N, C-alpha and C. Protein backbone atom coordinates (compact mmCIF):
# COMPACT_ATOMS: atom_id res chain seq x y z
N MET A 1 11.95 17.06 5.89
CA MET A 1 12.18 17.56 4.56
C MET A 1 13.42 18.45 4.50
N THR A 2 13.64 19.21 5.55
CA THR A 2 14.80 20.09 5.53
C THR A 2 16.10 19.31 5.64
N GLU A 3 16.05 18.12 6.25
CA GLU A 3 17.25 17.29 6.32
C GLU A 3 17.70 16.85 4.94
N ASN A 4 16.75 16.64 4.04
CA ASN A 4 17.07 16.22 2.67
C ASN A 4 17.16 17.41 1.71
N LYS A 5 17.20 18.61 2.28
CA LYS A 5 17.29 19.85 1.50
C LYS A 5 16.14 20.00 0.51
N LEU A 6 14.95 19.63 0.96
CA LEU A 6 13.75 19.79 0.16
C LEU A 6 12.92 20.92 0.73
N LYS A 7 12.23 21.61 -0.15
CA LYS A 7 11.38 22.70 0.28
C LYS A 7 9.99 22.50 -0.31
N LEU A 8 8.97 22.67 0.48
CA LEU A 8 7.60 22.50 0.06
C LEU A 8 7.08 23.78 -0.56
N ASN A 9 6.49 23.68 -1.75
CA ASN A 9 5.87 24.83 -2.39
C ASN A 9 4.41 24.85 -1.95
N SER A 10 4.09 25.72 -1.01
CA SER A 10 2.74 25.74 -0.44
C SER A 10 1.70 26.23 -1.44
N GLU A 11 2.12 26.94 -2.49
CA GLU A 11 1.16 27.40 -3.50
C GLU A 11 0.69 26.26 -4.39
N LYS A 12 1.51 25.24 -4.58
CA LYS A 12 1.16 24.13 -5.45
C LYS A 12 0.73 22.88 -4.69
N THR A 13 0.87 22.89 -3.39
CA THR A 13 0.56 21.71 -2.59
C THR A 13 -0.89 21.77 -2.13
N GLU A 14 -1.57 20.63 -2.26
CA GLU A 14 -2.96 20.54 -1.84
C GLU A 14 -3.09 19.42 -0.81
N ALA A 15 -3.99 19.60 0.12
CA ALA A 15 -4.27 18.59 1.13
C ALA A 15 -5.76 18.29 1.09
N LEU A 16 -6.10 17.04 1.42
CA LEU A 16 -7.48 16.61 1.34
C LEU A 16 -7.83 15.84 2.60
N LEU A 17 -8.90 16.25 3.26
CA LEU A 17 -9.45 15.49 4.38
C LEU A 17 -10.49 14.53 3.81
N VAL A 18 -10.37 13.26 4.13
CA VAL A 18 -11.29 12.26 3.60
C VAL A 18 -12.12 11.70 4.74
N GLY A 19 -13.43 11.66 4.53
CA GLY A 19 -14.34 11.11 5.52
C GLY A 19 -15.77 11.37 5.12
N THR A 20 -16.68 11.05 6.00
CA THR A 20 -18.08 11.33 5.73
C THR A 20 -18.33 12.83 5.89
N ARG A 21 -19.43 13.30 5.34
CA ARG A 21 -19.75 14.73 5.45
C ARG A 21 -19.88 15.15 6.91
N GLN A 22 -20.48 14.29 7.71
CA GLN A 22 -20.69 14.62 9.11
C GLN A 22 -19.36 14.72 9.87
N LYS A 23 -18.46 13.79 9.63
CA LYS A 23 -17.17 13.81 10.31
C LYS A 23 -16.34 15.03 9.89
N ILE A 24 -16.34 15.33 8.59
CA ILE A 24 -15.56 16.48 8.11
C ILE A 24 -16.14 17.77 8.67
N ALA A 25 -17.48 17.87 8.74
CA ALA A 25 -18.11 19.07 9.27
C ALA A 25 -17.82 19.26 10.76
N SER A 26 -17.62 18.17 11.47
CA SER A 26 -17.37 18.27 12.91
C SER A 26 -15.91 18.63 13.24
N LEU A 27 -15.02 18.54 12.28
CA LEU A 27 -13.61 18.86 12.53
C LEU A 27 -13.40 20.36 12.56
N THR A 28 -12.45 20.79 13.39
CA THR A 28 -12.13 22.20 13.48
C THR A 28 -10.80 22.53 12.80
N VAL A 29 -10.16 21.54 12.23
CA VAL A 29 -8.87 21.74 11.56
C VAL A 29 -9.12 22.45 10.23
N THR A 30 -8.38 23.54 10.00
CA THR A 30 -8.56 24.28 8.75
C THR A 30 -7.34 24.21 7.84
N ASP A 31 -6.18 23.93 8.42
CA ASP A 31 -4.98 23.85 7.59
C ASP A 31 -3.97 22.89 8.22
N LEU A 32 -2.91 22.64 7.46
CA LEU A 32 -1.89 21.68 7.85
C LEU A 32 -0.55 22.41 7.87
N GLN A 33 0.18 22.29 8.97
CA GLN A 33 1.47 22.95 9.11
C GLN A 33 2.59 21.94 8.86
N LEU A 34 3.37 22.15 7.80
CA LEU A 34 4.50 21.30 7.46
C LEU A 34 5.75 22.17 7.40
N ASP A 35 6.66 21.96 8.32
CA ASP A 35 7.85 22.80 8.45
C ASP A 35 7.44 24.26 8.51
N ASP A 36 7.86 25.06 7.54
CA ASP A 36 7.52 26.48 7.53
C ASP A 36 6.31 26.80 6.68
N ALA A 37 5.77 25.82 5.99
CA ALA A 37 4.67 26.05 5.06
C ALA A 37 3.33 25.66 5.69
N THR A 38 2.31 26.41 5.33
CA THR A 38 0.96 26.12 5.76
C THR A 38 0.15 25.74 4.53
N VAL A 39 -0.46 24.57 4.58
CA VAL A 39 -1.25 24.06 3.47
C VAL A 39 -2.70 23.98 3.91
N SER A 40 -3.59 24.64 3.19
CA SER A 40 -5.00 24.57 3.53
C SER A 40 -5.65 23.38 2.84
N PHE A 41 -6.73 22.89 3.43
CA PHE A 41 -7.44 21.74 2.89
C PHE A 41 -8.33 22.18 1.74
N SER A 42 -8.37 21.37 0.70
CA SER A 42 -9.19 21.64 -0.47
C SER A 42 -10.40 20.71 -0.47
N PRO A 43 -11.51 21.15 -1.09
CA PRO A 43 -12.67 20.25 -1.18
C PRO A 43 -12.43 19.12 -2.18
N ALA A 44 -11.54 19.35 -3.16
CA ALA A 44 -11.20 18.31 -4.14
C ALA A 44 -9.78 18.57 -4.63
N VAL A 45 -9.04 17.50 -4.88
CA VAL A 45 -7.68 17.62 -5.40
C VAL A 45 -7.57 16.81 -6.68
N LYS A 46 -6.63 17.20 -7.52
CA LYS A 46 -6.43 16.51 -8.79
C LYS A 46 -5.09 15.80 -8.74
N SER A 47 -5.10 14.52 -9.06
CA SER A 47 -3.88 13.73 -9.11
C SER A 47 -3.95 12.80 -10.31
N LEU A 48 -2.98 12.90 -11.18
CA LEU A 48 -2.91 12.09 -12.40
C LEU A 48 -4.17 12.20 -13.24
N GLY A 49 -4.76 13.39 -13.27
CA GLY A 49 -5.94 13.62 -14.11
C GLY A 49 -7.24 13.18 -13.49
N VAL A 50 -7.22 12.77 -12.23
CA VAL A 50 -8.43 12.31 -11.56
C VAL A 50 -8.70 13.24 -10.39
N PHE A 51 -9.93 13.73 -10.30
CA PHE A 51 -10.33 14.57 -9.19
C PHE A 51 -10.86 13.70 -8.06
N LEU A 52 -10.30 13.87 -6.89
CA LEU A 52 -10.77 13.17 -5.69
C LEU A 52 -11.39 14.19 -4.76
N ASP A 53 -12.60 13.91 -4.28
CA ASP A 53 -13.23 14.82 -3.34
C ASP A 53 -13.18 14.23 -1.94
N SER A 54 -13.55 15.02 -0.97
CA SER A 54 -13.35 14.63 0.42
C SER A 54 -14.21 13.45 0.86
N THR A 55 -15.32 13.20 0.19
CA THR A 55 -16.17 12.06 0.55
C THR A 55 -15.96 10.87 -0.39
N LEU A 56 -15.05 11.00 -1.33
CA LEU A 56 -14.75 9.97 -2.33
C LEU A 56 -16.00 9.55 -3.11
N SER A 57 -16.90 10.52 -3.33
CA SER A 57 -18.10 10.24 -4.12
C SER A 57 -17.82 10.38 -5.61
N MET A 58 -16.69 10.93 -5.98
CA MET A 58 -16.23 11.11 -7.36
C MET A 58 -17.12 12.04 -8.17
N GLN A 59 -17.97 12.83 -7.53
CA GLN A 59 -18.86 13.73 -8.26
C GLN A 59 -18.09 14.82 -8.99
N THR A 60 -17.02 15.32 -8.42
CA THR A 60 -16.21 16.33 -9.09
C THR A 60 -15.58 15.75 -10.35
N HIS A 61 -15.08 14.54 -10.25
CA HIS A 61 -14.45 13.89 -11.41
C HIS A 61 -15.48 13.60 -12.49
N ILE A 62 -16.64 13.10 -12.11
CA ILE A 62 -17.68 12.77 -13.08
C ILE A 62 -18.16 14.03 -13.80
N SER A 63 -18.38 15.11 -13.07
CA SER A 63 -18.83 16.34 -13.73
C SER A 63 -17.75 16.91 -14.64
N PHE A 64 -16.48 16.74 -14.29
CA PHE A 64 -15.40 17.20 -15.16
C PHE A 64 -15.36 16.37 -16.45
N ILE A 65 -15.53 15.06 -16.34
CA ILE A 65 -15.54 14.20 -17.53
C ILE A 65 -16.69 14.60 -18.45
N ILE A 66 -17.87 14.80 -17.88
CA ILE A 66 -19.04 15.17 -18.67
C ILE A 66 -18.80 16.50 -19.37
N LYS A 67 -18.25 17.46 -18.64
CA LYS A 67 -18.01 18.78 -19.21
C LYS A 67 -17.02 18.72 -20.37
N THR A 68 -15.93 17.99 -20.21
CA THR A 68 -14.92 17.93 -21.28
C THR A 68 -15.42 17.12 -22.47
N CYS A 69 -16.19 16.07 -22.23
CA CYS A 69 -16.73 15.28 -23.35
C CYS A 69 -17.71 16.10 -24.16
N PHE A 70 -18.60 16.84 -23.51
CA PHE A 70 -19.53 17.70 -24.25
C PHE A 70 -18.79 18.80 -25.00
N PHE A 71 -17.73 19.32 -24.42
CA PHE A 71 -16.94 20.33 -25.11
C PHE A 71 -16.38 19.77 -26.41
N HIS A 72 -15.80 18.58 -26.35
CA HIS A 72 -15.22 17.98 -27.55
C HIS A 72 -16.29 17.55 -28.54
N LEU A 73 -17.44 17.10 -28.06
CA LEU A 73 -18.54 16.77 -28.97
C LEU A 73 -19.02 18.00 -29.73
N ARG A 74 -19.12 19.13 -29.05
CA ARG A 74 -19.52 20.37 -29.73
C ARG A 74 -18.48 20.81 -30.75
N ARG A 75 -17.21 20.64 -30.41
CA ARG A 75 -16.15 20.98 -31.36
C ARG A 75 -16.20 20.08 -32.59
N ILE A 76 -16.43 18.78 -32.39
CA ILE A 76 -16.54 17.85 -33.52
C ILE A 76 -17.77 18.20 -34.36
N ALA A 77 -18.88 18.54 -33.70
CA ALA A 77 -20.10 18.88 -34.43
C ALA A 77 -19.92 20.11 -35.31
N SER A 78 -19.08 21.04 -34.86
CA SER A 78 -18.88 22.26 -35.65
C SER A 78 -18.09 22.00 -36.93
N ILE A 79 -17.30 20.94 -36.98
CA ILE A 79 -16.53 20.64 -38.20
C ILE A 79 -17.01 19.36 -38.87
N ARG A 80 -18.14 18.82 -38.42
CA ARG A 80 -18.63 17.54 -38.92
C ARG A 80 -18.83 17.53 -40.43
N ARG A 81 -19.32 18.60 -41.00
CA ARG A 81 -19.61 18.61 -42.44
C ARG A 81 -18.35 18.50 -43.29
N TYR A 82 -17.20 18.76 -42.71
CA TYR A 82 -15.94 18.67 -43.45
C TYR A 82 -15.26 17.31 -43.29
N LEU A 83 -15.81 16.45 -42.46
CA LEU A 83 -15.18 15.17 -42.13
C LEU A 83 -15.89 14.01 -42.82
N THR A 84 -15.14 12.99 -43.13
CA THR A 84 -15.74 11.74 -43.58
C THR A 84 -16.26 11.00 -42.35
N HIS A 85 -17.05 9.99 -42.58
CA HIS A 85 -17.58 9.20 -41.47
C HIS A 85 -16.46 8.55 -40.66
N ASP A 86 -15.47 7.99 -41.36
CA ASP A 86 -14.36 7.34 -40.66
C ASP A 86 -13.56 8.33 -39.82
N ALA A 87 -13.34 9.52 -40.37
CA ALA A 87 -12.58 10.53 -39.62
C ALA A 87 -13.36 10.98 -38.38
N CYS A 88 -14.67 11.09 -38.51
CA CYS A 88 -15.50 11.48 -37.37
C CYS A 88 -15.47 10.40 -36.29
N VAL A 89 -15.53 9.15 -36.70
CA VAL A 89 -15.47 8.05 -35.74
C VAL A 89 -14.14 8.06 -35.01
N LYS A 90 -13.06 8.28 -35.73
CA LYS A 90 -11.73 8.31 -35.11
C LYS A 90 -11.62 9.46 -34.11
N LEU A 91 -12.19 10.61 -34.45
CA LEU A 91 -12.16 11.73 -33.51
C LEU A 91 -12.95 11.43 -32.25
N VAL A 92 -14.12 10.85 -32.41
CA VAL A 92 -14.94 10.53 -31.24
C VAL A 92 -14.24 9.50 -30.36
N VAL A 93 -13.67 8.48 -30.98
CA VAL A 93 -12.99 7.45 -30.19
C VAL A 93 -11.78 8.04 -29.47
N SER A 94 -11.02 8.87 -30.17
CA SER A 94 -9.80 9.39 -29.55
C SER A 94 -10.08 10.47 -28.51
N LEU A 95 -11.08 11.31 -28.73
CA LEU A 95 -11.32 12.42 -27.81
C LEU A 95 -12.36 12.11 -26.73
N ILE A 96 -13.36 11.32 -27.05
CA ILE A 96 -14.43 11.06 -26.09
C ILE A 96 -14.21 9.76 -25.33
N PHE A 97 -14.09 8.66 -26.06
CA PHE A 97 -13.96 7.37 -25.40
C PHE A 97 -12.71 7.26 -24.55
N SER A 98 -11.63 7.91 -24.97
CA SER A 98 -10.41 7.85 -24.17
C SER A 98 -10.62 8.52 -22.82
N ARG A 99 -11.40 9.60 -22.78
CA ARG A 99 -11.68 10.27 -21.51
C ARG A 99 -12.63 9.44 -20.64
N LEU A 100 -13.58 8.78 -21.27
CA LEU A 100 -14.50 7.94 -20.50
C LEU A 100 -13.80 6.71 -19.93
N ASP A 101 -12.83 6.19 -20.66
CA ASP A 101 -12.16 4.97 -20.23
C ASP A 101 -11.02 5.21 -19.25
N TYR A 102 -10.49 6.43 -19.20
CA TYR A 102 -9.33 6.70 -18.35
C TYR A 102 -9.72 6.58 -16.87
N CYS A 103 -9.09 5.70 -16.16
CA CYS A 103 -9.30 5.47 -14.72
C CYS A 103 -10.75 5.17 -14.38
N ASN A 104 -11.46 4.51 -15.28
CA ASN A 104 -12.86 4.21 -14.99
C ASN A 104 -13.01 3.14 -13.91
N SER A 105 -11.95 2.45 -13.57
CA SER A 105 -12.03 1.47 -12.49
C SER A 105 -12.26 2.16 -11.14
N LEU A 106 -11.94 3.45 -11.05
CA LEU A 106 -12.20 4.18 -9.81
C LEU A 106 -13.69 4.42 -9.61
N LEU A 107 -14.46 4.30 -10.68
CA LEU A 107 -15.90 4.52 -10.60
C LEU A 107 -16.66 3.24 -10.25
N ALA A 108 -15.96 2.13 -10.16
CA ALA A 108 -16.62 0.85 -9.83
C ALA A 108 -17.17 0.91 -8.42
N GLY A 109 -18.38 0.44 -8.27
CA GLY A 109 -19.01 0.40 -6.96
C GLY A 109 -19.77 1.66 -6.59
N LEU A 110 -19.72 2.67 -7.44
CA LEU A 110 -20.50 3.88 -7.16
C LEU A 110 -21.97 3.61 -7.46
N PRO A 111 -22.86 4.35 -6.83
CA PRO A 111 -24.28 4.17 -7.13
C PRO A 111 -24.59 4.50 -8.59
N THR A 112 -25.59 3.84 -9.14
CA THR A 112 -25.98 4.05 -10.53
C THR A 112 -26.38 5.50 -10.77
N SER A 113 -26.96 6.13 -9.80
CA SER A 113 -27.38 7.54 -9.96
C SER A 113 -26.17 8.45 -10.16
N SER A 114 -25.02 8.08 -9.63
CA SER A 114 -23.82 8.90 -9.79
C SER A 114 -23.23 8.79 -11.19
N ILE A 115 -23.24 7.59 -11.75
CA ILE A 115 -22.58 7.39 -13.03
C ILE A 115 -23.56 7.37 -14.21
N HIS A 116 -24.83 7.60 -13.93
CA HIS A 116 -25.84 7.54 -14.99
C HIS A 116 -25.56 8.57 -16.09
N ASP A 117 -25.14 9.77 -15.74
CA ASP A 117 -24.90 10.81 -16.74
C ASP A 117 -23.74 10.49 -17.68
N LEU A 118 -22.82 9.66 -17.21
CA LEU A 118 -21.71 9.28 -18.09
C LEU A 118 -22.22 8.42 -19.22
């Protein structure tokens, strides 16, 4: 990186160890040394709006989707009496369905118990 005159911002850089819970628990590595910067491993990282966790179970991402969808549903419910039916439908489609549909192909193959709450 120094050859290309690039510098790593260790405050904004995240690293993720991916594996089974047993393998990750057995590792003694706590951080990653890149040039002069030390990057610690995170339990979950966010990339392009998707949370990836160390076991790739997507539980962090699913709980974030649920939390944001309920937040927007409560906001819509608070102004519902001022909206027409069509306006309410447009808000739900734009705020809720767009979040449910974004990168949903990453959820393919997960157990039904994981995605049931969605």
